[in-house]
Amino acid sequence: MIEASKILIVDDEKPIATLLAQTFEQEGHLVASAHDGIDCMNKMASFRPDVVIMDIMMPKLDGVDTTKLIRRNQSYSSTIIVALSAMS
């Protein structure tokens, strides 16, 4: 059995975020959601996720710039970031 992870889903499309959250929660993971990059950065410190599922195209602060901010912070060096995009 895989150990439960803390997963932060960052997506401005609520139906996608909800579907992902339900899927990971059914597998026993603890899930939080953020709706843009700014919201993500605010939740990083309090939630301390093991994994971030990051949408690339979002308002305010996109997924690429948010990923760069996360990677600049040494305390998140072991956090896995998975890019999610509808772009081809």
PDB file of N, CA and C in Angstrom:
ATOM      1  N   MET A   1       0.838  -1.193   0.000  1.00  0.00           N
ATOM      2  CA  MET A   1       0.000   0.000   0.000  1.00  0.00           C
ATOM      3  C   MET A   1       0.875   1.246   0.000  1.00  0.00           C
ATOM      4  N   ILE A   2       0.503   2.227  -0.807  1.00  0.00           N
ATOM      5  CA  ILE A   2       1.239   3.482  -0.897  1.00  0.00           C
ATOM      6  C   ILE A   2       0.851   4.376   0.274  1.00  0.00           C
ATOM      7  N   GLU A   3       1.862   5.015   0.876  1.00  0.00           N
ATOM      8  CA  GLU A   3       1.619   5.928   1.985  1.00  0.00           C
ATOM      9  C   GLU A   3       0.852   7.156   1.490  1.00  0.00           C
ATOM     10  N   ALA A   4      -0.070   7.652   2.301  1.00  0.00           N
ATOM     11  CA  ALA A   4      -0.860   8.823   1.930  1.00  0.00           C
ATOM     12  C   ALA A   4       0.026  10.058   1.833  1.00  0.00           C
ATOM     13  N   SER A   5      -0.228  10.864   0.845  1.00  0.00           N
ATOM     14  CA  SER A   5       0.517  12.110   0.628  1.00  0.00           C
ATOM     15  C   SER A   5      -0.410  13.291   0.816  1.00  0.00           C
ATOM     16  N   LYS A   6       0.206  14.447   1.061  1.00  0.00           N
ATOM     17  CA  LYS A   6      -0.528  15.700   1.072  1.00  0.00           C
ATOM     18  C   LYS A   6      -0.382  16.295  -0.315  1.00  0.00           C
ATOM     19  N   ILE A   7      -1.511  16.513  -0.983  1.00  0.00           N
ATOM     20  CA  ILE A   7      -1.513  16.974  -2.369  1.00  0.00           C
ATOM     21  C   ILE A   7      -2.231  18.313  -2.465  1.00  0.00           C
ATOM     22  N   LEU A   8      -1.573  19.282  -3.081  1.00  0.00           N
ATOM     23  CA  LEU A   8      -2.172  20.584  -3.342  1.00  0.00           C
ATOM     24  C   LEU A   8      -2.501  20.662  -4.827  1.00  0.00           C
ATOM     25  N   ILE A   9      -3.772  20.835  -5.133  1.00  0.00           N
ATOM     26  CA  ILE A   9      -4.229  20.955  -6.512  1.00  0.00           C
ATOM     27  C   ILE A   9      -4.413  22.436  -6.814  1.00  0.00           C
ATOM     28  N   VAL A  10      -3.726  22.913  -7.855  1.00  0.00           N
ATOM     29  CA  VAL A  10      -3.780  24.329  -8.220  1.00  0.00           C
ATOM     30  C   VAL A  10      -4.367  24.429  -9.619  1.00  0.00           C
ATOM     31  N   ASP A  11      -5.633  24.843  -9.690  1.00  0.00           N
ATOM     32  CA  ASP A  11      -6.322  24.934 -10.979  1.00  0.00           C
ATOM     33  C   ASP A  11      -7.465  25.925 -10.854  1.00  0.00           C
ATOM     34  N   ASP A  12      -7.576  26.828 -11.826  1.00  0.00           N
ATOM     35  CA  ASP A  12      -8.650  27.825 -11.802  1.00  0.00           C
ATOM     36  C   ASP A  12      -9.979  27.259 -12.302  1.00  0.00           C
ATOM     37  N   GLU A  13      -9.963  26.071 -12.878  1.00  0.00           N
ATOM     38  CA  GLU A  13     -11.190  25.426 -13.351  1.00  0.00           C
ATOM     39  C   GLU A  13     -11.728  24.537 -12.225  1.00  0.00           C
ATOM     40  N   LYS A  14     -12.769  25.014 -11.544  1.00  0.00           N
ATOM     41  CA  LYS A  14     -13.289  24.308 -10.371  1.00  0.00           C
ATOM     42  C   LYS A  14     -13.691  22.854 -10.659  1.00  0.00           C
ATOM     43  N   PRO A  15     -14.355  22.535 -11.785  1.00  0.00           N
ATOM     44  CA  PRO A  15     -14.712  21.130 -12.031  1.00  0.00           C
ATOM     45  C   PRO A  15     -13.491  20.208 -12.114  1.00  0.00           C
ATOM     46  N   ILE A  16     -12.413  20.694 -12.707  1.00  0.00           N
ATOM     47  CA  ILE A  16     -11.200  19.889 -12.806  1.00  0.00           C
ATOM     48  C   ILE A  16     -10.587  19.694 -11.424  1.00  0.00           C
ATOM     49  N   ALA A  17     -10.496  20.768 -10.651  1.00  0.00           N
ATOM     50  CA  ALA A  17      -9.934  20.683  -9.307  1.00  0.00           C
ATOM     51  C   ALA A  17     -10.751  19.733  -8.436  1.00  0.00           C
ATOM     52  N   THR A  18     -12.070  19.803  -8.553  1.00  0.00           N
ATOM     53  CA  THR A  18     -12.947  18.935  -7.765  1.00  0.00           C
ATOM     54  C   THR A  18     -12.767  17.474  -8.147  1.00  0.00           C
ATOM     55  N   LEU A  19     -12.721  17.187  -9.435  1.00  0.00           N
ATOM     56  CA  LEU A  19     -12.524  15.814  -9.895  1.00  0.00           C
ATOM     57  C   LEU A  19     -11.187  15.257  -9.415  1.00  0.00           C
ATOM     58  N   LEU A  20     -10.132  16.038  -9.544  1.00  0.00           N
ATOM     59  CA  LEU A  20      -8.822  15.586  -9.073  1.00  0.00           C
ATOM     60  C   LEU A  20      -8.827  15.355  -7.565  1.00  0.00           C
ATOM     61  N   ALA A  21      -9.413  16.284  -6.821  1.00  0.00           N
ATOM     62  CA  ALA A  21      -9.468  16.148  -5.362  1.00  0.00           C
ATOM     63  C   ALA A  21     -10.212  14.885  -4.959  1.00  0.00           C
ATOM     64  N   GLN A  22     -11.357  14.635  -5.557  1.00  0.00           N
ATOM     65  CA  GLN A  22     -12.134  13.434  -5.228  1.00  0.00           C
ATOM     66  C   GLN A  22     -11.347  12.170  -5.531  1.00  0.00           C
ATOM     67  N   THR A  23     -10.662  12.150  -6.656  1.00  0.00           N
ATOM     68  CA  THR A  23      -9.878  10.976  -7.056  1.00  0.00           C
ATOM     69  C   THR A  23      -8.764  10.705  -6.052  1.00  0.00           C
ATOM     70  N   PHE A  24      -8.009  11.727  -5.685  1.00  0.00           N
ATOM     71  CA  PHE A  24      -6.912  11.530  -4.733  1.00  0.00           C
ATOM     72  C   PHE A  24      -7.420  11.218  -3.327  1.00  0.00           C
ATOM     73  N   GLU A  25      -8.515  11.837  -2.922  1.00  0.00           N
ATOM     74  CA  GLU A  25      -9.086  11.553  -1.604  1.00  0.00           C
ATOM     75  C   GLU A  25      -9.569  10.115  -1.514  1.00  0.00           C
ATOM     76  N   GLN A  26     -10.146   9.583  -2.580  1.00  0.00           N
ATOM     77  CA  GLN A  26     -10.591   8.186  -2.597  1.00  0.00           C
ATOM     78  C   GLN A  26      -9.426   7.229  -2.416  1.00  0.00           C
ATOM     79  N   GLU A  27      -8.240   7.657  -2.800  1.00  0.00           N
ATOM     80  CA  GLU A  27      -7.040   6.836  -2.633  1.00  0.00           C
ATOM     81  C   GLU A  27      -6.383   7.059  -1.264  1.00  0.00           C
ATOM     82  N   GLY A  28      -7.017   7.889  -0.435  1.00  0.00           N
ATOM     83  CA  GLY A  28      -6.538   8.085   0.928  1.00  0.00           C
ATOM     84  C   GLY A  28      -5.601   9.252   1.139  1.00  0.00           C
ATOM     85  N   HIS A  29      -5.440  10.109   0.142  1.00  0.00           N
ATOM     86  CA  HIS A  29      -4.545  11.258   0.267  1.00  0.00           C
ATOM     87  C   HIS A  29      -5.280  12.445   0.877  1.00  0.00           C
ATOM     88  N   LEU A  30      -4.527  13.304   1.546  1.00  0.00           N
ATOM     89  CA  LEU A  30      -5.063  14.543   2.094  1.00  0.00           C
ATOM     90  C   LEU A  30      -4.901  15.609   1.020  1.00  0.00           C
ATOM     91  N   VAL A  31      -5.998  16.286   0.669  1.00  0.00           N
ATOM     92  CA  VAL A  31      -5.990  17.201  -0.475  1.00  0.00           C
ATOM     93  C   VAL A  31      -6.443  18.597  -0.067  1.00  0.00           C
ATOM     94  N   ALA A  32      -5.755  19.588  -0.618  1.00  0.00           N
ATOM     95  CA  ALA A  32      -6.176  20.987  -0.515  1.00  0.00           C
ATOM     96  C   ALA A  32      -6.173  21.547  -1.931  1.00  0.00           C
ATOM     97  N   SER A  33      -6.915  22.630  -2.134  1.00  0.00           N
ATOM     98  CA  SER A  33      -7.009  23.240  -3.465  1.00  0.00           C
ATOM     99  C   SER A  33      -6.668  24.720  -3.405  1.00  0.00           C
ATOM    100  N   ALA A  34      -6.104  25.202  -4.504  1.00  0.00           N
ATOM    101  CA  ALA A  34      -5.850  26.625  -4.705  1.00  0.00           C
ATOM    102  C   ALA A  34      -6.339  26.963  -6.102  1.00  0.00           C
ATOM    103  N   HIS A  35      -6.775  28.199  -6.304  1.00  0.00           N
ATOM    104  CA  HIS A  35      -7.407  28.564  -7.566  1.00  0.00           C
ATOM    105  C   HIS A  35      -6.538  29.423  -8.483  1.00  0.00           C
ATOM    106  N   ASP A  36      -5.368  29.808  -8.006  1.00  0.00           N
ATOM    107  CA  ASP A  36      -4.400  30.525  -8.831  1.00  0.00           C
ATOM    108  C   ASP A  36      -3.053  30.464  -8.118  1.00  0.00           C
ATOM    109  N   GLY A  37      -2.036  31.010  -8.751  1.00  0.00           N
ATOM    110  CA  GLY A  37      -0.699  30.939  -8.189  1.00  0.00           C
ATOM    111  C   GLY A  37      -0.545  31.667  -6.866  1.00  0.00           C
ATOM    112  N   ILE A  38      -1.227  32.775  -6.714  1.00  0.00           N
ATOM    113  CA  ILE A  38      -1.146  33.531  -5.456  1.00  0.00           C
ATOM    114  C   ILE A  38      -1.748  32.712  -4.323  1.00  0.00           C
ATOM    115  N   ASP A  39      -2.910  32.135  -4.567  1.00  0.00           N
ATOM    116  CA  ASP A  39      -3.561  31.270  -3.580  1.00  0.00           C
ATOM    117  C   ASP A  39      -2.658  30.076  -3.250  1.00  0.00           C
ATOM    118  N   CYS A  40      -2.004  29.528  -4.259  1.00  0.00           N
ATOM    119  CA  CYS A  40      -1.072  28.412  -4.061  1.00  0.00           C
ATOM    120  C   CYS A  40       0.041  28.799  -3.101  1.00  0.00           C
ATOM    121  N   MET A  41       0.676  29.921  -3.349  1.00  0.00           N
ATOM    122  CA  MET A  41       1.796  30.339  -2.506  1.00  0.00           C
ATOM    123  C   MET A  41       1.350  30.574  -1.066  1.00  0.00           C
ATOM    124  N   ASN A  42       0.140  31.071  -0.884  1.00  0.00           N
ATOM    125  CA  ASN A  42      -0.385  31.264   0.469  1.00  0.00           C
ATOM    126  C   ASN A  42      -0.609  29.931   1.171  1.00  0.00           C
ATOM    127  N   LYS A  43      -1.017  28.912   0.425  1.00  0.00           N
ATOM    128  CA  LYS A  43      -1.309  27.609   1.032  1.00  0.00           C
ATOM    129  C   LYS A  43      -0.064  26.735   1.216  1.00  0.00           C
ATOM    130  N   MET A  44       1.004  27.026   0.488  1.00  0.00           N
ATOM    131  CA  MET A  44       2.217  26.208   0.597  1.00  0.00           C
ATOM    132  C   MET A  44       2.728  26.164   2.033  1.00  0.00           C
ATOM    133  N   ALA A  45       2.800  27.295   2.695  1.00  0.00           N
ATOM    134  CA  ALA A  45       3.370  27.363   4.041  1.00  0.00           C
ATOM    135  C   ALA A  45       2.497  26.664   5.074  1.00  0.00           C
ATOM    136  N   SER A  46       1.198  26.814   4.959  1.00  0.00           N
ATOM    137  CA  SER A  46       0.316  26.226   5.972  1.00  0.00           C
ATOM    138  C   SER A  46       0.019  24.746   5.726  1.00  0.00           C
ATOM    139  N   PHE A  47      -0.096  24.341   4.468  1.00  0.00           N
ATOM    140  CA  PHE A  47      -0.458  22.957   4.137  1.00  0.00           C
ATOM    141  C   PHE A  47       0.764  22.047   3.996  1.00  0.00           C
ATOM    142  N   ARG A  48       1.884  22.602   3.533  1.00  0.00           N
ATOM    143  CA  ARG A  48       3.137  21.849   3.348  1.00  0.00           C
ATOM    144  C   ARG A  48       2.938  20.576   2.516  1.00  0.00           C
ATOM    145  N   PRO A  49       2.516  20.712   1.253  1.00  0.00           N
ATOM    146  CA  PRO A  49       2.218  19.530   0.444  1.00  0.00           C
ATOM    147  C   PRO A  49       3.470  18.737   0.062  1.00  0.00           C
ATOM    148  N   ASP A  50       3.254  17.444  -0.147  1.00  0.00           N
ATOM    149  CA  ASP A  50       4.304  16.581  -0.696  1.00  0.00           C
ATOM    150  C   ASP A  50       4.332  16.711  -2.213  1.00  0.00           C
ATOM    151  N   VAL A  51       3.141  16.922  -2.787  1.00  0.00           N
ATOM    152  CA  VAL A  51       2.968  16.992  -4.232  1.00  0.00           C
ATOM    153  C   VAL A  51       2.070  18.186  -4.570  1.00  0.00           C
ATOM    154  N   VAL A  52       2.425  18.907  -5.642  1.00  0.00           N
ATOM    155  CA  VAL A  52       1.588  19.980  -6.164  1.00  0.00           C
ATOM    156  C   VAL A  52       1.211  19.600  -7.596  1.00  0.00           C
ATOM    157  N   ILE A  53      -0.090  19.543  -7.879  1.00  0.00           N
ATOM    158  CA  ILE A  53      -0.591  19.347  -9.233  1.00  0.00           C
ATOM    159  C   ILE A  53      -0.899  20.752  -9.747  1.00  0.00           C
ATOM    160  N   MET A  54      -0.091  21.243 -10.696  1.00  0.00           N
ATOM    161  CA  MET A  54      -0.120  22.653 -11.089  1.00  0.00           C
ATOM    162  C   MET A  54      -0.651  22.850 -12.509  1.00  0.00           C
ATOM    163  N   ASP A  55      -1.781  23.555 -12.613  1.00  0.00           N
ATOM    164  CA  ASP A  55      -2.265  23.988 -13.930  1.00  0.00           C
ATOM    165  C   ASP A  55      -1.287  25.036 -14.461  1.00  0.00           C
ATOM    166  N   ILE A  56      -1.074  25.049 -15.744  1.00  0.00           N
ATOM    167  CA  ILE A  56      -0.133  25.999 -16.331  1.00  0.00           C
ATOM    168  C   ILE A  56      -0.807  27.345 -16.627  1.00  0.00           C
ATOM    169  N   MET A  57      -1.998  27.315 -17.210  1.00  0.00           N
ATOM    170  CA  MET A  57      -2.674  28.553 -17.603  1.00  0.00           C
ATOM    171  C   MET A  57      -3.690  28.948 -16.529  1.00  0.00           C
ATOM    172  N   MET A  58      -3.332  29.981 -15.750  1.00  0.00           N
ATOM    173  CA  MET A  58      -4.211  30.491 -14.692  1.00  0.00           C
ATOM    174  C   MET A  58      -4.113  32.003 -14.651  1.00  0.00           C
ATOM    175  N   PRO A  59      -5.142  32.656 -14.110  1.00  0.00           N
ATOM    176  CA  PRO A  59      -5.091  34.113 -13.964  1.00  0.00           C
ATOM    177  C   PRO A  59      -4.176  34.518 -12.808  1.00  0.00           C
ATOM    178  N   LYS A  60      -3.852  35.768 -12.743  1.00  0.00           N
ATOM    179  CA  LYS A  60      -3.057  36.403 -11.685  1.00  0.00           C
ATOM    180  C   LYS A  60      -1.595  35.966 -11.711  1.00  0.00           C
ATOM    181  N   LEU A  61      -1.327  34.696 -11.469  1.00  0.00           N
ATOM    182  CA  LEU A  61       0.034  34.164 -11.467  1.00  0.00           C
ATOM    183  C   LEU A  61      -0.042  32.771 -12.068  1.00  0.00           C
ATOM    184  N   ASP A  62       0.538  32.588 -13.264  1.00  0.00           N
ATOM    185  CA  ASP A  62       0.390  31.313 -13.958  1.00  0.00           C
ATOM    186  C   ASP A  62       1.242  30.204 -13.326  1.00  0.00           C
ATOM    187  N   GLY A  63       1.059  28.989 -13.817  1.00  0.00           N
ATOM    188  CA  GLY A  63       1.732  27.834 -13.250  1.00  0.00           C
ATOM    189  C   GLY A  63       3.238  27.845 -13.415  1.00  0.00           C
ATOM    190  N   VAL A  64       3.732  28.390 -14.521  1.00  0.00           N
ATOM    191  CA  VAL A  64       5.185  28.454 -14.743  1.00  0.00           C
ATOM    192  C   VAL A  64       5.831  29.378 -13.719  1.00  0.00           C
ATOM    193  N   ASP A  65       5.276  30.569 -13.550  1.00  0.00           N
ATOM    194  CA  ASP A  65       5.846  31.516 -12.592  1.00  0.00           C
ATOM    195  C   ASP A  65       5.670  31.036 -11.157  1.00  0.00           C
ATOM    196  N   THR A  66       4.558  30.379 -10.864  1.00  0.00           N
ATOM    197  CA  THR A  66       4.344  29.838  -9.525  1.00  0.00           C
ATOM    198  C   THR A  66       5.365  28.743  -9.224  1.00  0.00           C
ATOM    199  N   THR A  67       5.627  27.889 -10.199  1.00  0.00           N
ATOM    200  CA  THR A  67       6.628  26.835 -10.030  1.00  0.00           C
ATOM    201  C   THR A  67       8.000  27.449  -9.749  1.00  0.00           C
ATOM    202  N   LYS A  68       8.341  28.508 -10.460  1.00  0.00           N
ATOM    203  CA  LYS A  68       9.629  29.178 -10.223  1.00  0.00           C
ATOM    204  C   LYS A  68       9.717  29.717  -8.801  1.00  0.00           C
ATOM    205  N   LEU A  69       8.620  30.293  -8.296  1.00  0.00           N
ATOM    206  CA  LEU A  69       8.612  30.800  -6.926  1.00  0.00           C
ATOM    207  C   LEU A  69       8.777  29.669  -5.911  1.00  0.00           C
ATOM    208  N   ILE A  70       8.098  28.565  -6.143  1.00  0.00           N
ATOM    209  CA  ILE A  70       8.222  27.418  -5.235  1.00  0.00           C
ATOM    210  C   ILE A  70       9.662  26.917  -5.233  1.00  0.00           C
ATOM    211  N   ARG A  71      10.265  26.798  -6.395  1.00  0.00           N
ATOM    212  CA  ARG A  71      11.629  26.266  -6.505  1.00  0.00           C
ATOM    213  C   ARG A  71      12.678  27.200  -5.900  1.00  0.00           C
ATOM    214  N   ARG A  72      12.384  28.482  -5.787  1.00  0.00           N
ATOM    215  CA  ARG A  72      13.317  29.433  -5.154  1.00  0.00           C
ATOM    216  C   ARG A  72      13.372  29.258  -3.641  1.00  0.00           C
ATOM    217  N   ASN A  73      12.366  28.611  -3.081  1.00  0.00           N
ATOM    218  CA  ASN A  73      12.290  28.448  -1.630  1.00  0.00           C
ATOM    219  C   ASN A  73      12.872  27.083  -1.250  1.00  0.00           C
ATOM    220  N   GLN A  74      14.001  27.090  -0.585  1.00  0.00           N
ATOM    221  CA  GLN A  74      14.704  25.858  -0.216  1.00  0.00           C
ATOM    222  C   GLN A  74      13.849  24.915   0.619  1.00  0.00           C
ATOM    223  N   SER A  75      12.928  25.435   1.405  1.00  0.00           N
ATOM    224  CA  SER A  75      12.105  24.562   2.257  1.00  0.00           C
ATOM    225  C   SER A  75      11.134  23.705   1.446  1.00  0.00           C
ATOM    226  N   TYR A  76      10.965  24.020   0.160  1.00  0.00           N
ATOM    227  CA  TYR A  76      10.102  23.210  -0.706  1.00  0.00           C
ATOM    228  C   TYR A  76      10.909  22.383  -1.712  1.00  0.00           C
ATOM    229  N   SER A  77      12.175  22.187  -1.446  1.00  0.00           N
ATOM    230  CA  SER A  77      13.045  21.508  -2.409  1.00  0.00           C
ATOM    231  C   SER A  77      12.633  20.054  -2.673  1.00  0.00           C
ATOM    232  N   SER A  78      11.997  19.415  -1.720  1.00  0.00           N
ATOM    233  CA  SER A  78      11.584  18.018  -1.924  1.00  0.00           C
ATOM    234  C   SER A  78      10.141  17.898  -2.424  1.00  0.00           C
ATOM    235  N   THR A  79       9.460  19.021  -2.596  1.00  0.00           N
ATOM    236  CA  THR A  79       8.080  19.000  -3.079  1.00  0.00           C
ATOM    237  C   THR A  79       8.059  18.645  -4.559  1.00  0.00           C
ATOM    238  N   ILE A  80       7.268  17.642  -4.910  1.00  0.00           N
ATOM    239  CA  ILE A  80       7.117  17.235  -6.295  1.00  0.00           C
ATOM    240  C   ILE A  80       6.072  18.132  -6.958  1.00  0.00           C
ATOM    241  N   ILE A  81       6.384  18.639  -8.142  1.00  0.00           N
ATOM    242  CA  ILE A  81       5.441  19.476  -8.881  1.00  0.00           C
ATOM    243  C   ILE A  81       5.133  18.790 -10.198  1.00  0.00           C
ATOM    244  N   VAL A  82       3.835  18.565 -10.437  1.00  0.00           N
ATOM    245  CA  VAL A  82       3.380  17.934 -11.676  1.00  0.00           C
ATOM    246  C   VAL A  82       2.601  18.973 -12.473  1.00  0.00           C
ATOM    247  N   ALA A  83       3.037  19.231 -13.700  1.00  0.00           N
ATOM    248  CA  ALA A  83       2.354  20.211 -14.552  1.00  0.00           C
ATOM    249  C   ALA A  83       1.126  19.575 -15.177  1.00  0.00           C
ATOM    250  N   LEU A  84       0.048  20.337 -15.207  1.00  0.00           N
ATOM    251  CA  LEU A  84      -1.210  19.914 -15.799  1.00  0.00           C
ATOM    252  C   LEU A  84      -1.655  21.006 -16.754  1.00  0.00           C
ATOM    253  N   SER A  85      -1.960  20.624 -18.007  1.00  0.00           N
ATOM    254  CA  SER A  85      -2.330  21.645 -18.968  1.00  0.00           C
ATOM    255  C   SER A  85      -3.243  21.080 -20.046  1.00  0.00           C
ATOM    256  N   ALA A  86      -4.125  21.929 -20.547  1.00  0.00           N
ATOM    257  CA  ALA A  86      -4.959  21.580 -21.690  1.00  0.00           C
ATOM    258  C   ALA A  86      -4.255  21.964 -22.995  1.00  0.00           C
ATOM    259  N   MET A  87      -3.102  22.613 -22.863  1.00  0.00           N
ATOM    260  CA  MET A  87      -2.345  23.030 -24.056  1.00  0.00           C
ATOM    261  C   MET A  87      -1.768  21.800 -24.745  1.00  0.00           C
ATOM    262  N   SER A  88      -1.736  21.830 -26.076  1.00  0.00           N
ATOM    263  CA  SER A  88      -1.154  20.703 -26.798  1.00  0.00           C
ATOM    264  C   SER A  88       0.337  20.905 -26.974  1.00  0.00           C
TER     265      SER A  88
END
